[in-house]
């Protein structure tokens, strides 16, 4: 039991575009460090070699759907083996911006079978200790995407966003899942997430 207490927690933040995931990941990791917890702020696609290829492809030209999915899986395998698991074993909490639930949602919107995507990823990627699903109505999400000056990409169109939102919410009954209303202020959302995270840590 003592060994389990020493292990870090895998805290994943998911949600459709416009829900403020990246801001909340940074705030949560910073808050945990400020109270003496070891916390690693991270993201997927990762900053590893496969993740860098994926990020470059988003601006320089996308892969075919099959090739892109294969690259996501290669990136995640390396990320899990080289970064996530070693950090957790060392007692560091990993606060992750996107994980395999995003693959289920976005590659699912691209035509792949969601259940099969989940099964494939869970065969090698550990389930999170906490999954924060930042939930927002699609209309509000589109409004936020518009106000930040971005041009909506193919995954930020209404139907695709709704599909992705439904996929994220499809795992809301898992024991590790916590659905967070992301319509209040950033500070309100952060306070709720920090409270829930600390309840699991302690």
N, C-alpha and C. Protein backbone atom coordinates (compact mmCIF):
# COMPACT_ATOMS: atom_id res chain seq x y z
N UNK A 1 0.83 -1.21 0.00
CA UNK A 1 0.00 0.00 0.00
C UNK A 1 0.86 1.26 0.00
N UNK A 2 1.97 1.19 0.77
CA UNK A 2 2.86 2.35 0.79
C UNK A 2 3.44 2.62 -0.59
N UNK A 3 3.74 1.53 -1.32
CA UNK A 3 4.29 1.71 -2.66
C UNK A 3 3.30 2.41 -3.57
N UNK A 4 2.01 2.06 -3.43
CA UNK A 4 1.00 2.70 -4.25
C UNK A 4 0.90 4.19 -3.94
N UNK A 5 1.06 4.53 -2.69
CA UNK A 5 0.98 5.94 -2.31
C UNK A 5 2.14 6.74 -2.90
N UNK A 6 3.27 6.10 -3.07
CA UNK A 6 4.43 6.80 -3.60
C UNK A 6 4.33 7.01 -5.11
N UNK A 7 3.55 6.19 -5.77
CA UNK A 7 3.43 6.30 -7.23
C UNK A 7 2.70 7.58 -7.59
N UNK A 8 3.16 8.23 -8.65
CA UNK A 8 2.46 9.43 -9.09
C UNK A 8 1.12 9.10 -9.72
N UNK A 9 0.29 10.10 -9.87
CA UNK A 9 -1.00 9.93 -10.51
C UNK A 9 -0.92 10.39 -11.97
N UNK A 10 -1.60 9.66 -12.84
CA UNK A 10 -1.76 10.09 -14.23
C UNK A 10 -3.07 10.85 -14.33
N UNK A 11 -2.94 12.16 -14.52
CA UNK A 11 -4.11 13.05 -14.56
C UNK A 11 -4.25 13.56 -15.99
N UNK A 12 -5.34 13.19 -16.64
CA UNK A 12 -5.55 13.52 -18.05
C UNK A 12 -6.66 14.56 -18.18
N UNK A 13 -6.44 15.54 -19.03
CA UNK A 13 -7.45 16.57 -19.28
C UNK A 13 -7.87 16.47 -20.74
N UNK A 14 -9.15 16.23 -20.96
CA UNK A 14 -9.70 16.07 -22.31
C UNK A 14 -10.89 17.00 -22.51
N UNK A 15 -11.31 17.12 -23.75
CA UNK A 15 -12.45 17.95 -24.09
C UNK A 15 -12.31 18.46 -25.50
N UNK A 16 -13.41 18.92 -26.07
CA UNK A 16 -13.36 19.45 -27.43
C UNK A 16 -12.60 20.77 -27.46
N UNK A 17 -12.24 21.20 -28.65
CA UNK A 17 -11.54 22.47 -28.80
C UNK A 17 -12.40 23.61 -28.24
N UNK A 18 -11.74 24.53 -27.56
CA UNK A 18 -12.46 25.66 -27.00
C UNK A 18 -12.80 25.52 -25.53
N UNK A 19 -12.47 24.37 -24.94
CA UNK A 19 -12.82 24.15 -23.53
C UNK A 19 -11.75 24.64 -22.56
N UNK A 20 -10.59 25.04 -23.07
CA UNK A 20 -9.56 25.59 -22.20
C UNK A 20 -8.64 24.56 -21.57
N UNK A 21 -8.45 23.42 -22.23
CA UNK A 21 -7.65 22.34 -21.67
C UNK A 21 -6.23 22.77 -21.32
N UNK A 22 -5.55 23.39 -22.28
CA UNK A 22 -4.13 23.71 -22.08
C UNK A 22 -3.92 24.64 -20.89
N UNK A 23 -4.80 25.62 -20.74
CA UNK A 23 -4.70 26.54 -19.60
C UNK A 23 -4.88 25.80 -18.29
N UNK A 24 -5.85 24.88 -18.25
CA UNK A 24 -6.11 24.15 -17.01
C UNK A 24 -5.00 23.17 -16.68
N UNK A 25 -4.40 22.57 -17.69
CA UNK A 25 -3.28 21.66 -17.45
C UNK A 25 -2.12 22.42 -16.80
N UNK A 26 -1.80 23.57 -17.34
CA UNK A 26 -0.71 24.38 -16.78
C UNK A 26 -1.02 24.83 -15.35
N UNK A 27 -2.24 25.31 -15.14
CA UNK A 27 -2.62 25.80 -13.81
C UNK A 27 -2.60 24.68 -12.78
N UNK A 28 -3.06 23.50 -13.17
CA UNK A 28 -3.10 22.38 -12.23
C UNK A 28 -1.69 21.91 -11.89
N UNK A 29 -0.84 21.77 -12.91
CA UNK A 29 0.54 21.34 -12.64
C UNK A 29 1.27 22.36 -11.77
N UNK A 30 1.08 23.63 -12.07
CA UNK A 30 1.71 24.69 -11.27
C UNK A 30 1.22 24.65 -9.82
N UNK A 31 -0.09 24.45 -9.64
CA UNK A 31 -0.66 24.43 -8.30
C UNK A 31 -0.15 23.25 -7.50
N UNK A 32 -0.02 22.10 -8.13
CA UNK A 32 0.51 20.92 -7.43
C UNK A 32 1.95 21.14 -7.01
N UNK A 33 2.74 21.72 -7.92
CA UNK A 33 4.15 22.00 -7.56
C UNK A 33 4.24 23.02 -6.43
N UNK A 34 3.31 23.97 -6.41
CA UNK A 34 3.37 25.03 -5.40
C UNK A 34 3.12 24.51 -3.98
N UNK A 35 2.48 23.33 -3.88
CA UNK A 35 2.24 22.75 -2.55
C UNK A 35 3.18 21.58 -2.27
N UNK A 36 4.24 21.48 -3.06
CA UNK A 36 5.28 20.50 -2.78
C UNK A 36 5.15 19.17 -3.48
N UNK A 37 4.18 19.03 -4.37
CA UNK A 37 4.04 17.79 -5.13
C UNK A 37 4.92 17.85 -6.38
N UNK A 38 5.49 16.71 -6.75
CA UNK A 38 6.22 16.64 -8.02
C UNK A 38 5.20 16.47 -9.14
N UNK A 39 5.21 17.35 -10.12
CA UNK A 39 4.23 17.30 -11.20
C UNK A 39 4.89 17.63 -12.52
N UNK A 40 4.59 16.84 -13.53
CA UNK A 40 5.09 17.05 -14.88
C UNK A 40 3.92 17.47 -15.77
N UNK A 41 4.05 18.64 -16.38
CA UNK A 41 3.06 19.10 -17.35
C UNK A 41 3.46 18.56 -18.72
N UNK A 42 2.55 17.86 -19.38
CA UNK A 42 2.90 17.24 -20.65
C UNK A 42 1.70 17.27 -21.59
N UNK A 43 1.89 16.76 -22.81
CA UNK A 43 0.83 16.84 -23.82
C UNK A 43 0.99 15.73 -24.85
N UNK A 44 -0.07 15.50 -25.59
CA UNK A 44 -0.02 14.64 -26.77
C UNK A 44 -0.70 15.35 -27.92
N UNK A 45 -0.17 15.23 -29.16
CA UNK A 45 1.07 14.55 -29.48
C UNK A 45 2.22 15.05 -28.60
N UNK A 46 3.15 14.15 -28.30
CA UNK A 46 4.23 14.47 -27.38
C UNK A 46 5.29 15.32 -28.06
N UNK A 47 6.33 15.62 -27.29
CA UNK A 47 7.46 16.35 -27.85
C UNK A 47 8.57 15.40 -28.31
N UNK A 48 8.22 14.10 -28.37
CA UNK A 48 9.16 13.12 -28.89
C UNK A 48 9.22 13.16 -30.41
N UNK A 49 10.05 12.32 -31.01
CA UNK A 49 10.25 12.37 -32.47
C UNK A 49 8.97 12.16 -33.27
N UNK A 50 8.14 11.19 -32.87
CA UNK A 50 6.90 10.95 -33.61
C UNK A 50 5.90 12.08 -33.39
N UNK A 51 5.87 12.60 -32.17
CA UNK A 51 4.98 13.71 -31.88
C UNK A 51 5.34 14.95 -32.68
N UNK A 52 6.64 15.19 -32.83
CA UNK A 52 7.09 16.35 -33.61
C UNK A 52 6.69 16.21 -35.07
N UNK A 53 6.77 15.00 -35.60
CA UNK A 53 6.34 14.76 -36.97
C UNK A 53 4.84 15.04 -37.11
N UNK A 54 4.07 14.57 -36.14
CA UNK A 54 2.62 14.80 -36.17
C UNK A 54 2.30 16.28 -36.12
N UNK A 55 2.96 17.00 -35.23
CA UNK A 55 2.68 18.44 -35.10
C UNK A 55 3.05 19.19 -36.39
N UNK A 56 4.17 18.80 -36.98
CA UNK A 56 4.58 19.45 -38.23
C UNK A 56 3.58 19.16 -39.34
N UNK A 57 3.03 17.94 -39.35
CA UNK A 57 2.11 17.56 -40.42
C UNK A 57 0.83 18.38 -40.38
N UNK A 58 0.48 18.89 -39.22
CA UNK A 58 -0.76 19.66 -39.09
C UNK A 58 -0.68 21.00 -39.81
N UNK A 59 0.54 21.45 -40.07
CA UNK A 59 0.69 22.72 -40.80
C UNK A 59 1.33 22.52 -42.17
N UNK A 60 2.09 21.42 -42.32
CA UNK A 60 2.83 21.21 -43.56
C UNK A 60 2.17 20.23 -44.51
N UNK A 61 1.06 19.62 -44.07
CA UNK A 61 0.40 18.63 -44.93
C UNK A 61 0.11 17.36 -44.17
N UNK A 62 -1.16 17.00 -44.08
CA UNK A 62 -1.57 15.87 -43.27
C UNK A 62 -1.22 14.54 -43.93
N UNK A 63 -1.02 13.53 -43.08
CA UNK A 63 -0.85 12.17 -43.54
C UNK A 63 -2.21 11.64 -44.00
N UNK A 64 -2.19 10.47 -44.63
CA UNK A 64 -3.45 9.77 -44.87
C UNK A 64 -4.01 9.37 -43.50
N UNK A 65 -5.33 9.15 -43.39
CA UNK A 65 -5.90 8.77 -42.10
C UNK A 65 -5.22 7.57 -41.47
N UNK A 66 -4.93 6.54 -42.26
CA UNK A 66 -4.28 5.34 -41.71
C UNK A 66 -2.87 5.63 -41.22
N UNK A 67 -2.13 6.39 -42.00
CA UNK A 67 -0.75 6.72 -41.62
C UNK A 67 -0.74 7.62 -40.39
N UNK A 68 -1.68 8.55 -40.32
CA UNK A 68 -1.76 9.44 -39.17
C UNK A 68 -2.08 8.67 -37.89
N UNK A 69 -3.02 7.74 -37.98
CA UNK A 69 -3.37 6.93 -36.81
C UNK A 69 -2.18 6.10 -36.35
N UNK A 70 -1.46 5.51 -37.31
CA UNK A 70 -0.27 4.73 -36.95
C UNK A 70 0.76 5.61 -36.25
N UNK A 71 0.91 6.85 -36.71
CA UNK A 71 1.87 7.76 -36.10
C UNK A 71 1.44 8.14 -34.67
N UNK A 72 0.14 8.35 -34.47
CA UNK A 72 -0.36 8.62 -33.11
C UNK A 72 -0.03 7.46 -32.18
N UNK A 73 -0.22 6.24 -32.65
CA UNK A 73 0.05 5.08 -31.80
C UNK A 73 1.54 4.93 -31.52
N UNK A 74 2.38 5.19 -32.52
CA UNK A 74 3.83 5.14 -32.29
C UNK A 74 4.25 6.19 -31.27
N UNK A 75 3.69 7.39 -31.42
CA UNK A 75 4.02 8.47 -30.49
C UNK A 75 3.59 8.11 -29.08
N UNK A 76 2.37 7.57 -28.96
CA UNK A 76 1.87 7.25 -27.61
C UNK A 76 2.66 6.12 -26.97
N UNK A 77 3.01 5.10 -27.74
CA UNK A 77 3.81 4.01 -27.18
C UNK A 77 5.13 4.53 -26.62
N UNK A 78 5.80 5.36 -27.41
CA UNK A 78 7.08 5.90 -26.95
C UNK A 78 6.88 6.81 -25.74
N UNK A 79 5.84 7.63 -25.79
CA UNK A 79 5.55 8.56 -24.70
C UNK A 79 5.28 7.81 -23.40
N UNK A 80 4.47 6.76 -23.48
CA UNK A 80 4.16 5.95 -22.30
C UNK A 80 5.43 5.31 -21.74
N UNK A 81 6.22 4.69 -22.62
CA UNK A 81 7.39 3.94 -22.17
C UNK A 81 8.54 4.83 -21.69
N UNK A 82 8.74 5.95 -22.37
CA UNK A 82 9.92 6.78 -22.09
C UNK A 82 9.66 7.92 -21.12
N UNK A 83 8.40 8.35 -21.02
CA UNK A 83 8.11 9.53 -20.19
C UNK A 83 7.08 9.23 -19.09
N UNK A 84 5.91 8.78 -19.48
CA UNK A 84 4.80 8.67 -18.52
C UNK A 84 5.08 7.64 -17.43
N UNK A 85 5.38 6.40 -17.81
CA UNK A 85 5.59 5.36 -16.80
C UNK A 85 6.79 5.65 -15.91
N UNK A 86 7.95 6.07 -16.45
CA UNK A 86 9.07 6.40 -15.56
C UNK A 86 8.73 7.52 -14.57
N UNK A 87 7.99 8.53 -15.02
CA UNK A 87 7.63 9.63 -14.12
C UNK A 87 6.71 9.13 -13.01
N UNK A 88 5.72 8.33 -13.36
CA UNK A 88 4.79 7.82 -12.36
C UNK A 88 5.51 6.94 -11.34
N UNK A 89 6.41 6.10 -11.83
CA UNK A 89 7.15 5.22 -10.92
C UNK A 89 8.07 6.01 -10.00
N UNK A 90 8.51 7.17 -10.46
CA UNK A 90 9.38 8.01 -9.63
C UNK A 90 8.58 8.86 -8.65
N UNK A 91 7.26 8.74 -8.67
CA UNK A 91 6.43 9.48 -7.74
C UNK A 91 5.99 10.84 -8.26
N UNK A 92 6.16 11.08 -9.55
CA UNK A 92 5.77 12.35 -10.15
C UNK A 92 4.37 12.24 -10.75
N UNK A 93 3.51 13.21 -10.45
CA UNK A 93 2.20 13.25 -11.08
C UNK A 93 2.35 13.78 -12.50
N UNK A 94 1.74 13.11 -13.46
CA UNK A 94 1.78 13.54 -14.85
C UNK A 94 0.43 14.18 -15.18
N UNK A 95 0.46 15.46 -15.53
CA UNK A 95 -0.76 16.19 -15.90
C UNK A 95 -0.72 16.35 -17.42
N UNK A 96 -1.61 15.63 -18.09
CA UNK A 96 -1.50 15.44 -19.53
C UNK A 96 -2.62 16.13 -20.30
N UNK A 97 -2.22 16.94 -21.26
CA UNK A 97 -3.14 17.62 -22.17
C UNK A 97 -3.38 16.70 -23.37
N UNK A 98 -4.50 16.00 -23.36
CA UNK A 98 -4.91 15.00 -24.36
C UNK A 98 -4.20 13.66 -24.15
N UNK A 99 -4.94 12.59 -24.51
CA UNK A 99 -4.44 11.22 -24.35
C UNK A 99 -5.20 10.37 -25.36
N UNK A 100 -5.34 9.07 -25.10
CA UNK A 100 -5.97 8.23 -26.12
C UNK A 100 -7.45 8.50 -26.30
N UNK A 101 -8.07 9.20 -25.38
CA UNK A 101 -9.48 9.56 -25.56
C UNK A 101 -9.63 10.53 -26.73
N UNK A 102 -8.61 11.36 -26.95
CA UNK A 102 -8.64 12.24 -28.11
C UNK A 102 -8.49 11.46 -29.40
N UNK A 103 -7.71 10.39 -29.37
CA UNK A 103 -7.62 9.53 -30.55
C UNK A 103 -8.97 8.89 -30.83
N UNK A 104 -9.64 8.42 -29.77
CA UNK A 104 -10.99 7.86 -29.94
C UNK A 104 -11.93 8.89 -30.56
N UNK A 105 -11.84 10.12 -30.11
CA UNK A 105 -12.76 11.15 -30.57
C UNK A 105 -12.42 11.64 -31.98
N UNK A 106 -11.20 12.09 -32.18
CA UNK A 106 -10.85 12.74 -33.44
C UNK A 106 -10.62 11.76 -34.58
N UNK A 107 -9.95 10.63 -34.27
CA UNK A 107 -9.81 9.62 -35.33
C UNK A 107 -11.14 8.89 -35.54
N UNK A 108 -11.94 8.83 -34.49
CA UNK A 108 -13.29 8.29 -34.66
C UNK A 108 -14.10 9.16 -35.60
N UNK A 109 -13.95 10.48 -35.46
CA UNK A 109 -14.64 11.41 -36.36
C UNK A 109 -14.10 11.28 -37.78
N UNK A 110 -12.92 10.70 -37.91
CA UNK A 110 -12.29 10.50 -39.21
C UNK A 110 -12.68 9.16 -39.83
N UNK A 111 -13.57 8.43 -39.15
CA UNK A 111 -14.10 7.20 -39.73
C UNK A 111 -13.66 5.91 -39.09
N UNK A 112 -12.74 5.96 -38.12
CA UNK A 112 -12.30 4.73 -37.46
C UNK A 112 -13.29 4.32 -36.37
N UNK A 113 -13.31 3.04 -36.04
CA UNK A 113 -14.22 2.50 -35.04
C UNK A 113 -13.75 2.91 -33.64
N UNK A 114 -14.60 3.60 -32.91
CA UNK A 114 -14.22 4.15 -31.60
C UNK A 114 -13.87 3.06 -30.61
N UNK A 115 -14.68 2.01 -30.56
CA UNK A 115 -14.44 0.92 -29.61
C UNK A 115 -13.12 0.22 -29.91
N UNK A 116 -12.82 0.05 -31.20
CA UNK A 116 -11.58 -0.59 -31.59
C UNK A 116 -10.37 0.29 -31.25
N UNK A 117 -10.53 1.60 -31.44
CA UNK A 117 -9.46 2.53 -31.07
C UNK A 117 -9.18 2.45 -29.57
N UNK A 118 -10.23 2.39 -28.78
CA UNK A 118 -10.05 2.31 -27.33
C UNK A 118 -9.34 1.01 -26.94
N UNK A 119 -9.78 -0.08 -27.53
CA UNK A 119 -9.19 -1.38 -27.20
C UNK A 119 -7.71 -1.41 -27.56
N UNK A 120 -7.38 -0.90 -28.73
CA UNK A 120 -5.98 -0.88 -29.18
C UNK A 120 -5.11 -0.07 -28.22
N UNK A 121 -5.59 1.10 -27.86
CA UNK A 121 -4.79 1.97 -26.98
C UNK A 121 -4.68 1.42 -25.57
N UNK A 122 -5.76 0.85 -25.06
CA UNK A 122 -5.71 0.35 -23.68
C UNK A 122 -4.91 -0.94 -23.57
N UNK A 123 -4.49 -1.49 -24.72
CA UNK A 123 -3.63 -2.67 -24.67
C UNK A 123 -2.20 -2.30 -24.29
N UNK A 124 -1.85 -1.01 -24.44
CA UNK A 124 -0.48 -0.60 -24.08
C UNK A 124 -0.41 0.70 -23.27
N UNK A 125 -1.45 1.47 -23.25
CA UNK A 125 -1.43 2.75 -22.53
C UNK A 125 -2.22 2.62 -21.23
N UNK A 126 -1.62 2.96 -20.10
CA UNK A 126 -2.33 2.82 -18.82
C UNK A 126 -3.53 3.76 -18.73
N UNK A 127 -4.58 3.27 -18.10
CA UNK A 127 -5.74 4.13 -17.87
C UNK A 127 -5.35 5.24 -16.92
N UNK A 128 -5.98 6.40 -17.04
CA UNK A 128 -5.65 7.49 -16.11
C UNK A 128 -6.15 7.21 -14.70
N UNK A 129 -5.52 7.83 -13.74
CA UNK A 129 -6.06 7.80 -12.38
C UNK A 129 -7.21 8.80 -12.26
N UNK A 130 -7.07 9.91 -12.96
CA UNK A 130 -8.15 10.90 -13.04
C UNK A 130 -8.26 11.35 -14.49
N UNK A 131 -9.46 11.34 -15.01
CA UNK A 131 -9.74 11.89 -16.33
C UNK A 131 -10.70 13.06 -16.16
N UNK A 132 -10.20 14.27 -16.38
CA UNK A 132 -11.07 15.44 -16.35
C UNK A 132 -11.61 15.66 -17.76
N UNK A 133 -12.92 15.57 -17.91
CA UNK A 133 -13.55 15.84 -19.20
C UNK A 133 -14.13 17.25 -19.11
N UNK A 134 -13.47 18.19 -19.76
CA UNK A 134 -13.96 19.56 -19.77
C UNK A 134 -15.09 19.62 -20.80
N UNK A 135 -16.30 19.84 -20.31
CA UNK A 135 -17.47 19.74 -21.19
C UNK A 135 -18.06 21.11 -21.47
N UNK A 136 -18.39 21.32 -22.74
CA UNK A 136 -18.92 22.60 -23.17
C UNK A 136 -19.87 22.37 -24.33
N UNK A 137 -20.96 23.11 -24.34
CA UNK A 137 -21.89 23.07 -25.46
C UNK A 137 -21.16 23.46 -26.74
N UNK A 138 -21.49 22.77 -27.84
CA UNK A 138 -20.78 23.00 -29.10
C UNK A 138 -20.90 24.44 -29.57
N UNK A 139 -22.06 25.06 -29.38
CA UNK A 139 -22.22 26.46 -29.79
C UNK A 139 -21.27 27.37 -29.03
N UNK A 140 -21.13 27.13 -27.73
CA UNK A 140 -20.19 27.93 -26.93
C UNK A 140 -18.76 27.68 -27.37
N UNK A 141 -18.45 26.41 -27.67
CA UNK A 141 -17.10 26.08 -28.12
C UNK A 141 -16.77 26.79 -29.42
N UNK A 142 -17.71 26.78 -30.37
CA UNK A 142 -17.49 27.45 -31.64
C UNK A 142 -17.32 28.95 -31.45
N UNK A 143 -18.07 29.50 -30.52
CA UNK A 143 -17.95 30.93 -30.24
C UNK A 143 -16.57 31.25 -29.69
N UNK A 144 -16.08 30.40 -28.78
CA UNK A 144 -14.75 30.62 -28.23
C UNK A 144 -13.67 30.46 -29.30
N UNK A 145 -13.81 29.45 -30.13
CA UNK A 145 -12.84 29.23 -31.20
C UNK A 145 -12.79 30.45 -32.11
N UNK A 146 -13.97 31.01 -32.39
CA UNK A 146 -14.03 32.19 -33.25
C UNK A 146 -13.41 33.41 -32.61
N UNK A 147 -13.64 33.58 -31.29
CA UNK A 147 -13.15 34.78 -30.63
C UNK A 147 -11.64 34.75 -30.41
N UNK A 148 -11.02 33.57 -30.49
CA UNK A 148 -9.57 33.54 -30.30
C UNK A 148 -8.85 33.74 -31.63
N UNK A 149 -9.61 34.03 -32.69
CA UNK A 149 -9.00 34.41 -33.95
C UNK A 149 -8.55 33.26 -34.81
N UNK A 150 -8.91 32.04 -34.42
CA UNK A 150 -8.51 30.88 -35.22
C UNK A 150 -9.55 30.60 -36.30
N UNK A 151 -9.09 30.09 -37.39
CA UNK A 151 -10.01 29.61 -38.42
C UNK A 151 -10.35 28.17 -38.08
N UNK A 152 -11.64 27.88 -37.97
CA UNK A 152 -12.06 26.54 -37.58
C UNK A 152 -11.54 25.50 -38.56
N UNK A 153 -10.80 24.49 -38.03
CA UNK A 153 -10.32 23.44 -38.91
C UNK A 153 -11.40 22.37 -39.07
N UNK A 154 -11.07 21.29 -39.77
CA UNK A 154 -12.09 20.29 -40.08
C UNK A 154 -12.68 19.66 -38.83
N UNK A 155 -11.88 19.57 -37.75
CA UNK A 155 -12.39 18.98 -36.52
C UNK A 155 -13.13 20.00 -35.66
N UNK A 156 -13.12 21.24 -36.07
CA UNK A 156 -13.80 22.28 -35.30
C UNK A 156 -15.12 22.68 -35.96
N UNK A 157 -15.55 21.91 -36.93
CA UNK A 157 -16.88 22.12 -37.50
C UNK A 157 -17.90 21.51 -36.55
N UNK A 158 -19.10 22.00 -36.63
CA UNK A 158 -20.14 21.63 -35.66
C UNK A 158 -20.35 20.13 -35.52
N UNK A 159 -20.55 19.43 -36.65
CA UNK A 159 -20.86 18.00 -36.56
C UNK A 159 -19.71 17.21 -35.95
N UNK A 160 -18.48 17.56 -36.36
CA UNK A 160 -17.32 16.86 -35.84
C UNK A 160 -17.15 17.14 -34.35
N UNK A 161 -17.35 18.40 -33.95
CA UNK A 161 -17.24 18.74 -32.53
C UNK A 161 -18.27 18.00 -31.70
N UNK A 162 -19.50 17.91 -32.22
CA UNK A 162 -20.54 17.20 -31.48
C UNK A 162 -20.21 15.72 -31.36
N UNK A 163 -19.68 15.14 -32.43
CA UNK A 163 -19.27 13.74 -32.40
C UNK A 163 -18.20 13.54 -31.33
N UNK A 164 -17.20 14.41 -31.33
CA UNK A 164 -16.10 14.30 -30.36
C UNK A 164 -16.60 14.49 -28.93
N UNK A 165 -17.49 15.46 -28.75
CA UNK A 165 -18.04 15.67 -27.40
C UNK A 165 -18.76 14.41 -26.93
N UNK A 166 -19.52 13.79 -27.81
CA UNK A 166 -20.25 12.57 -27.44
C UNK A 166 -19.29 11.44 -27.08
N UNK A 167 -18.17 11.34 -27.80
CA UNK A 167 -17.18 10.30 -27.49
C UNK A 167 -16.57 10.53 -26.12
N UNK A 168 -16.19 11.77 -25.84
CA UNK A 168 -15.63 12.06 -24.51
C UNK A 168 -16.63 11.71 -23.40
N UNK A 169 -17.87 12.10 -23.60
CA UNK A 169 -18.89 11.85 -22.57
C UNK A 169 -19.26 10.37 -22.47
N UNK A 170 -18.90 9.59 -23.49
CA UNK A 170 -19.24 8.16 -23.46
C UNK A 170 -18.47 7.41 -22.37
N UNK A 171 -17.40 8.01 -21.85
CA UNK A 171 -16.63 7.35 -20.79
C UNK A 171 -16.87 8.00 -19.42
N UNK A 172 -17.91 8.83 -19.34
CA UNK A 172 -18.14 9.61 -18.10
C UNK A 172 -18.47 8.74 -16.89
N UNK A 173 -18.92 7.51 -17.12
CA UNK A 173 -19.27 6.64 -16.00
C UNK A 173 -18.10 5.80 -15.50
N UNK A 174 -16.95 5.92 -16.14
CA UNK A 174 -15.76 5.22 -15.63
C UNK A 174 -15.40 5.78 -14.26
N UNK A 175 -14.85 4.92 -13.41
CA UNK A 175 -14.55 5.35 -12.03
C UNK A 175 -13.56 6.51 -11.98
N UNK A 176 -12.71 6.62 -12.98
CA UNK A 176 -11.69 7.67 -12.98
C UNK A 176 -12.17 8.98 -13.60
N UNK A 177 -13.35 8.98 -14.22
CA UNK A 177 -13.80 10.16 -14.97
C UNK A 177 -14.49 11.19 -14.09
N UNK A 178 -14.18 12.46 -14.36
CA UNK A 178 -14.83 13.58 -13.69
C UNK A 178 -15.22 14.59 -14.76
N UNK A 179 -16.52 14.80 -14.94
CA UNK A 179 -16.99 15.76 -15.95
C UNK A 179 -17.02 17.15 -15.31
N UNK A 180 -16.35 18.09 -15.95
CA UNK A 180 -16.24 19.45 -15.43
C UNK A 180 -16.92 20.41 -16.42
N UNK A 181 -17.87 21.16 -15.92
CA UNK A 181 -18.53 22.19 -16.75
C UNK A 181 -17.50 23.28 -17.03
N UNK A 182 -17.16 23.48 -18.29
CA UNK A 182 -16.14 24.46 -18.61
C UNK A 182 -16.70 25.80 -19.06
N UNK A 183 -17.97 26.06 -18.70
CA UNK A 183 -18.54 27.37 -19.03
C UNK A 183 -18.25 28.45 -17.99
N UNK A 184 -18.01 28.11 -16.71
CA UNK A 184 -17.66 29.16 -15.74
C UNK A 184 -16.28 29.77 -16.00
N UNK A 185 -15.82 30.59 -15.06
CA UNK A 185 -14.52 31.24 -15.20
C UNK A 185 -13.39 30.23 -15.10
N UNK A 186 -12.26 30.59 -15.67
CA UNK A 186 -11.07 29.74 -15.61
C UNK A 186 -10.71 29.43 -14.16
N UNK A 187 -10.83 30.42 -13.30
CA UNK A 187 -10.47 30.25 -11.89
C UNK A 187 -11.42 29.27 -11.19
N UNK A 188 -12.70 29.34 -11.52
CA UNK A 188 -13.69 28.44 -10.92
C UNK A 188 -13.42 27.00 -11.33
N UNK A 189 -13.14 26.80 -12.61
CA UNK A 189 -12.84 25.46 -13.11
C UNK A 189 -11.58 24.92 -12.45
N UNK A 190 -10.55 25.76 -12.38
CA UNK A 190 -9.29 25.34 -11.76
C UNK A 190 -9.49 24.91 -10.32
N UNK A 191 -10.25 25.68 -9.57
CA UNK A 191 -10.48 25.38 -8.15
C UNK A 191 -11.14 24.01 -8.00
N UNK A 192 -12.10 23.72 -8.86
CA UNK A 192 -12.79 22.43 -8.79
C UNK A 192 -11.85 21.28 -9.15
N UNK A 193 -11.06 21.48 -10.19
CA UNK A 193 -10.12 20.43 -10.60
C UNK A 193 -9.06 20.17 -9.54
N UNK A 194 -8.53 21.23 -8.96
CA UNK A 194 -7.51 21.08 -7.92
C UNK A 194 -8.07 20.34 -6.71
N UNK A 195 -9.28 20.69 -6.33
CA UNK A 195 -9.92 20.03 -5.18
C UNK A 195 -10.07 18.53 -5.44
N UNK A 196 -10.51 18.17 -6.62
CA UNK A 196 -10.70 16.75 -6.96
C UNK A 196 -9.36 16.02 -7.06
N UNK A 197 -8.36 16.68 -7.61
CA UNK A 197 -7.03 16.06 -7.72
C UNK A 197 -6.43 15.80 -6.34
N UNK A 198 -6.55 16.80 -5.46
CA UNK A 198 -5.99 16.65 -4.11
C UNK A 198 -6.71 15.56 -3.32
N UNK A 199 -7.97 15.38 -3.59
CA UNK A 199 -8.72 14.32 -2.91
C UNK A 199 -8.17 12.94 -3.29
N UNK A 200 -7.71 12.79 -4.53
CA UNK A 200 -7.12 11.53 -4.98
C UNK A 200 -5.70 11.38 -4.47
N UNK A 201 -4.95 12.48 -4.42
CA UNK A 201 -3.56 12.41 -3.96
C UNK A 201 -3.48 12.09 -2.48
N UNK A 202 -4.38 12.68 -1.71
CA UNK A 202 -4.35 12.47 -0.27
C UNK A 202 -5.40 11.46 0.15
